[in-house]
Amino acid sequence: MRDLIQTTGMVLYAAPVGEFDKRLILLTGDRGKITAFARGAKRTGSLLRAASRPFAFGIFTLSETRDAYNLYGAEIENYFEGLEQDVECACYASYFAEFAEYFGREGLEAREMLRLLYQSFRALLKPALPNKLVQRIFELKIMVINGEYTEDPPLRAGDSARYAWQYVIYAPIEKLYTFLLKEDTFAQFAANVERNKRAYVDKSFHSLEILQTIT
């Protein structure tokens, strides 16, 4: 058996392969985005079954092959089960995961993106925070992490919207989801995030298209 490694990460995507296996895309802190195969994960009683669910976050034990990894075990710290119980929250989480997959690269550490995903999923589970605000904060911050943003809002914005923009850019990830915006301020903030996204992100997200049909 090849040497085993352990890495902290999250399952971004899971798809069946054959009758019993799953193919996973993981975002890991030290190895970036990787593909892993969970052999037998679809079998009843498999120890890999729960660890192969989308959004599972924890420490994964893997072996490296030439083209991918094999999953041998995991210590899952958070399954974010509450997201699966709410269709809208699940769609937002899928969109965030797809966005992280877009920016993720194998071999490039992704600790900040991983922390952002974790805190954003927690924010989705807080009733006091509007999901649309969580979405726009997440979008701006993940673009900031990857250097795809402007220091100032690209469109005209009032003082409150400009402050929100600067706050998201510079605030620690753990402090991101600590504010609310009035309706008009949010509209300005959201419009600027959308403009920035169109300027720097050349991808249409399938999960966002689904989300837009239900919100």
Foldseek 3Di string as FASTA:
>chain_A
DADKDKFWWFWLDWDDDPDAKIWTWIATQQFWTFIEIEGRLRPPPDQCVLVRDHGFTFMWIWGDDPHGIYTDHTDTPDSLVVQVVDVLSVLLLNQLSVVSVQLIDGRDGDNQSRLLSVLLSVVSPDPVADNVVSSLLSLLLVCLVVVQFDCAQPDDADPVLRVLSNCSNPPRSNCNRDDDDDPVSVVSNSVSSVVSCVVGPDDDDPSVVVSVVPD
